[in-house]
């Protein structure tokens, strides 16, 4: 969950905004909560990005982000 948020390229304020929507009591759903928060706040703001750009932006792996 934290890797997805870190690799999204958000500012510290944006990271905190996404984290406010995460239910930390539901440990099995942390990843889904993080993804939902990213899409809720920032998914629609990417207008010119194509599918590959979005995959890189939300990559788990730092290497995938650099390719």
N, C-alpha and C. Protein backbone atom coordinates (compact mmCIF):
# COMPACT_ATOMS: atom_id res chain seq x y z
N UNK A 1 0.82 -1.18 0.00
CA UNK A 1 0.00 0.00 0.00
C UNK A 1 0.88 1.26 0.00
N UNK A 2 1.87 1.28 0.87
CA UNK A 2 2.72 2.48 0.94
C UNK A 2 3.55 2.66 -0.31
N UNK A 3 3.96 1.56 -0.96
CA UNK A 3 4.74 1.67 -2.19
C UNK A 3 3.92 2.29 -3.31
N UNK A 4 2.66 1.94 -3.40
CA UNK A 4 1.81 2.51 -4.44
C UNK A 4 1.67 4.01 -4.23
N UNK A 5 1.43 4.40 -3.01
CA UNK A 5 1.27 5.84 -2.72
C UNK A 5 2.59 6.57 -2.99
N UNK A 6 3.70 5.98 -2.57
CA UNK A 6 5.01 6.62 -2.77
C UNK A 6 5.33 6.77 -4.26
N UNK A 7 5.07 5.72 -5.02
CA UNK A 7 5.40 5.73 -6.44
C UNK A 7 4.42 6.52 -7.30
N UNK A 8 3.38 7.02 -6.71
CA UNK A 8 2.41 7.80 -7.46
C UNK A 8 2.92 9.20 -7.79
N UNK A 9 4.02 9.60 -7.17
CA UNK A 9 4.60 10.90 -7.47
C UNK A 9 3.83 12.06 -6.88
N UNK A 10 3.25 11.85 -5.72
CA UNK A 10 2.45 12.88 -5.08
C UNK A 10 3.29 13.72 -4.12
N UNK A 11 2.81 14.90 -3.86
CA UNK A 11 3.46 15.73 -2.84
C UNK A 11 3.07 15.20 -1.46
N UNK A 12 3.73 15.68 -0.43
CA UNK A 12 3.44 15.23 0.93
C UNK A 12 1.99 15.52 1.32
N UNK A 13 1.48 16.66 0.91
CA UNK A 13 0.09 17.02 1.20
C UNK A 13 -0.88 16.08 0.49
N UNK A 14 -0.58 15.75 -0.76
CA UNK A 14 -1.44 14.84 -1.51
C UNK A 14 -1.42 13.43 -0.92
N UNK A 15 -0.25 13.00 -0.45
CA UNK A 15 -0.14 11.69 0.20
C UNK A 15 -1.03 11.66 1.43
N UNK A 16 -0.99 12.69 2.22
CA UNK A 16 -1.83 12.75 3.42
C UNK A 16 -3.31 12.75 3.08
N UNK A 17 -3.67 13.40 2.00
CA UNK A 17 -5.06 13.41 1.56
C UNK A 17 -5.53 12.00 1.22
N UNK A 18 -4.73 11.26 0.49
CA UNK A 18 -5.07 9.88 0.14
C UNK A 18 -5.15 9.03 1.40
N UNK A 19 -4.25 9.22 2.32
CA UNK A 19 -4.22 8.42 3.54
C UNK A 19 -5.44 8.64 4.43
N UNK A 20 -6.10 9.76 4.29
CA UNK A 20 -7.29 10.00 5.11
C UNK A 20 -8.44 9.06 4.75
N UNK A 21 -8.45 8.54 3.54
CA UNK A 21 -9.52 7.63 3.12
C UNK A 21 -9.23 6.16 3.42
N UNK A 22 -8.06 5.85 3.92
CA UNK A 22 -7.68 4.46 4.14
C UNK A 22 -8.15 4.01 5.52
N UNK A 23 -8.84 2.87 5.54
CA UNK A 23 -9.30 2.27 6.79
C UNK A 23 -8.22 1.30 7.27
N UNK A 24 -7.43 1.71 8.23
CA UNK A 24 -6.30 0.92 8.69
C UNK A 24 -6.73 -0.27 9.54
N UNK A 25 -7.99 -0.31 9.98
CA UNK A 25 -8.48 -1.45 10.74
C UNK A 25 -8.73 -2.66 9.84
N UNK A 26 -9.03 -2.43 8.58
CA UNK A 26 -9.26 -3.51 7.60
C UNK A 26 -7.94 -3.84 6.91
N UNK A 27 -7.10 -4.62 7.57
CA UNK A 27 -5.76 -4.92 7.05
C UNK A 27 -5.79 -5.62 5.70
N UNK A 28 -6.79 -6.43 5.45
CA UNK A 28 -6.86 -7.16 4.19
C UNK A 28 -7.26 -6.27 3.01
N UNK A 29 -7.72 -5.06 3.29
CA UNK A 29 -8.18 -4.18 2.23
C UNK A 29 -7.36 -2.89 2.12
N UNK A 30 -6.17 -2.88 2.69
CA UNK A 30 -5.34 -1.68 2.63
C UNK A 30 -4.97 -1.29 1.21
N UNK A 31 -4.58 -2.26 0.40
CA UNK A 31 -4.18 -1.98 -0.97
C UNK A 31 -5.35 -1.42 -1.78
N UNK A 32 -6.52 -2.04 -1.63
CA UNK A 32 -7.69 -1.57 -2.36
C UNK A 32 -8.09 -0.16 -1.91
N UNK A 33 -7.97 0.11 -0.62
CA UNK A 33 -8.28 1.45 -0.11
C UNK A 33 -7.34 2.50 -0.67
N UNK A 34 -6.05 2.15 -0.75
CA UNK A 34 -5.07 3.09 -1.30
C UNK A 34 -5.36 3.37 -2.77
N UNK A 35 -5.63 2.33 -3.53
CA UNK A 35 -5.94 2.52 -4.95
C UNK A 35 -7.20 3.36 -5.12
N UNK A 36 -8.22 3.07 -4.32
CA UNK A 36 -9.47 3.84 -4.42
C UNK A 36 -9.24 5.31 -4.09
N UNK A 37 -8.41 5.58 -3.09
CA UNK A 37 -8.11 6.96 -2.74
C UNK A 37 -7.36 7.70 -3.84
N UNK A 38 -6.41 7.01 -4.46
CA UNK A 38 -5.66 7.62 -5.56
C UNK A 38 -6.57 7.93 -6.74
N UNK A 39 -7.44 7.01 -7.06
CA UNK A 39 -8.37 7.23 -8.17
C UNK A 39 -9.36 8.33 -7.82
N UNK A 40 -9.84 8.31 -6.59
CA UNK A 40 -10.83 9.31 -6.16
C UNK A 40 -10.29 10.74 -6.29
N UNK A 41 -9.08 10.94 -5.83
CA UNK A 41 -8.54 12.30 -5.82
C UNK A 41 -7.73 12.67 -7.06
N UNK A 42 -7.08 11.71 -7.69
CA UNK A 42 -6.16 12.05 -8.77
C UNK A 42 -6.36 11.30 -10.06
N UNK A 43 -7.18 10.29 -10.08
CA UNK A 43 -7.36 9.46 -11.27
C UNK A 43 -7.97 10.20 -12.43
N UNK A 44 -8.87 11.09 -12.17
CA UNK A 44 -9.54 11.83 -13.24
C UNK A 44 -8.78 13.07 -13.67
N UNK A 45 -7.77 13.46 -12.91
CA UNK A 45 -7.03 14.67 -13.27
C UNK A 45 -5.99 14.40 -14.36
N UNK A 46 -5.72 13.14 -14.64
CA UNK A 46 -4.76 12.79 -15.69
C UNK A 46 -5.52 12.74 -17.00
N UNK A 47 -5.42 13.80 -17.79
CA UNK A 47 -6.21 13.90 -19.02
C UNK A 47 -5.44 13.41 -20.24
N UNK A 48 -4.16 13.69 -20.30
CA UNK A 48 -3.40 13.34 -21.49
C UNK A 48 -2.64 12.03 -21.35
N UNK A 49 -2.64 11.44 -20.17
CA UNK A 49 -1.89 10.21 -19.96
C UNK A 49 -2.53 9.02 -20.65
N UNK A 50 -1.69 8.15 -21.19
CA UNK A 50 -2.22 6.93 -21.77
C UNK A 50 -2.06 5.81 -20.75
N UNK A 51 -2.47 4.61 -21.11
CA UNK A 51 -2.47 3.49 -20.19
C UNK A 51 -1.07 3.18 -19.66
N UNK A 52 -0.07 3.25 -20.51
CA UNK A 52 1.30 2.95 -20.09
C UNK A 52 1.79 3.99 -19.09
N UNK A 53 1.48 5.27 -19.32
CA UNK A 53 1.87 6.31 -18.38
C UNK A 53 1.25 6.09 -17.01
N UNK A 54 -0.02 5.70 -16.99
CA UNK A 54 -0.69 5.45 -15.72
C UNK A 54 -0.10 4.24 -15.01
N UNK A 55 0.25 3.20 -15.76
CA UNK A 55 0.87 2.03 -15.15
C UNK A 55 2.20 2.39 -14.53
N UNK A 56 2.96 3.24 -15.17
CA UNK A 56 4.24 3.67 -14.62
C UNK A 56 4.03 4.52 -13.38
N UNK A 57 3.03 5.38 -13.42
CA UNK A 57 2.80 6.28 -12.30
C UNK A 57 2.38 5.53 -11.04
N UNK A 58 1.60 4.48 -11.20
CA UNK A 58 1.12 3.71 -10.06
C UNK A 58 1.86 2.38 -9.92
N UNK A 59 3.10 2.33 -10.35
CA UNK A 59 3.87 1.08 -10.33
C UNK A 59 4.29 0.72 -8.91
N UNK A 60 4.32 -0.59 -8.64
CA UNK A 60 4.84 -1.09 -7.37
C UNK A 60 6.35 -0.95 -7.34
N UNK A 61 6.95 -1.16 -8.48
CA UNK A 61 8.39 -1.31 -8.59
C UNK A 61 9.03 -0.01 -9.09
N UNK A 62 10.06 0.44 -8.42
CA UNK A 62 10.75 1.66 -8.85
C UNK A 62 11.33 1.51 -10.26
N UNK A 63 11.78 0.30 -10.62
CA UNK A 63 12.36 0.07 -11.95
C UNK A 63 11.31 0.25 -13.04
N UNK A 64 10.10 -0.21 -12.80
CA UNK A 64 9.03 -0.06 -13.80
C UNK A 64 8.71 1.41 -14.03
N UNK A 65 8.87 2.20 -13.01
CA UNK A 65 8.59 3.63 -13.12
C UNK A 65 9.62 4.34 -13.99
N UNK A 66 10.84 3.85 -14.00
CA UNK A 66 11.92 4.49 -14.73
C UNK A 66 11.93 4.11 -16.21
N UNK A 67 11.32 3.00 -16.59
CA UNK A 67 11.36 2.53 -17.98
C UNK A 67 10.59 3.42 -18.91
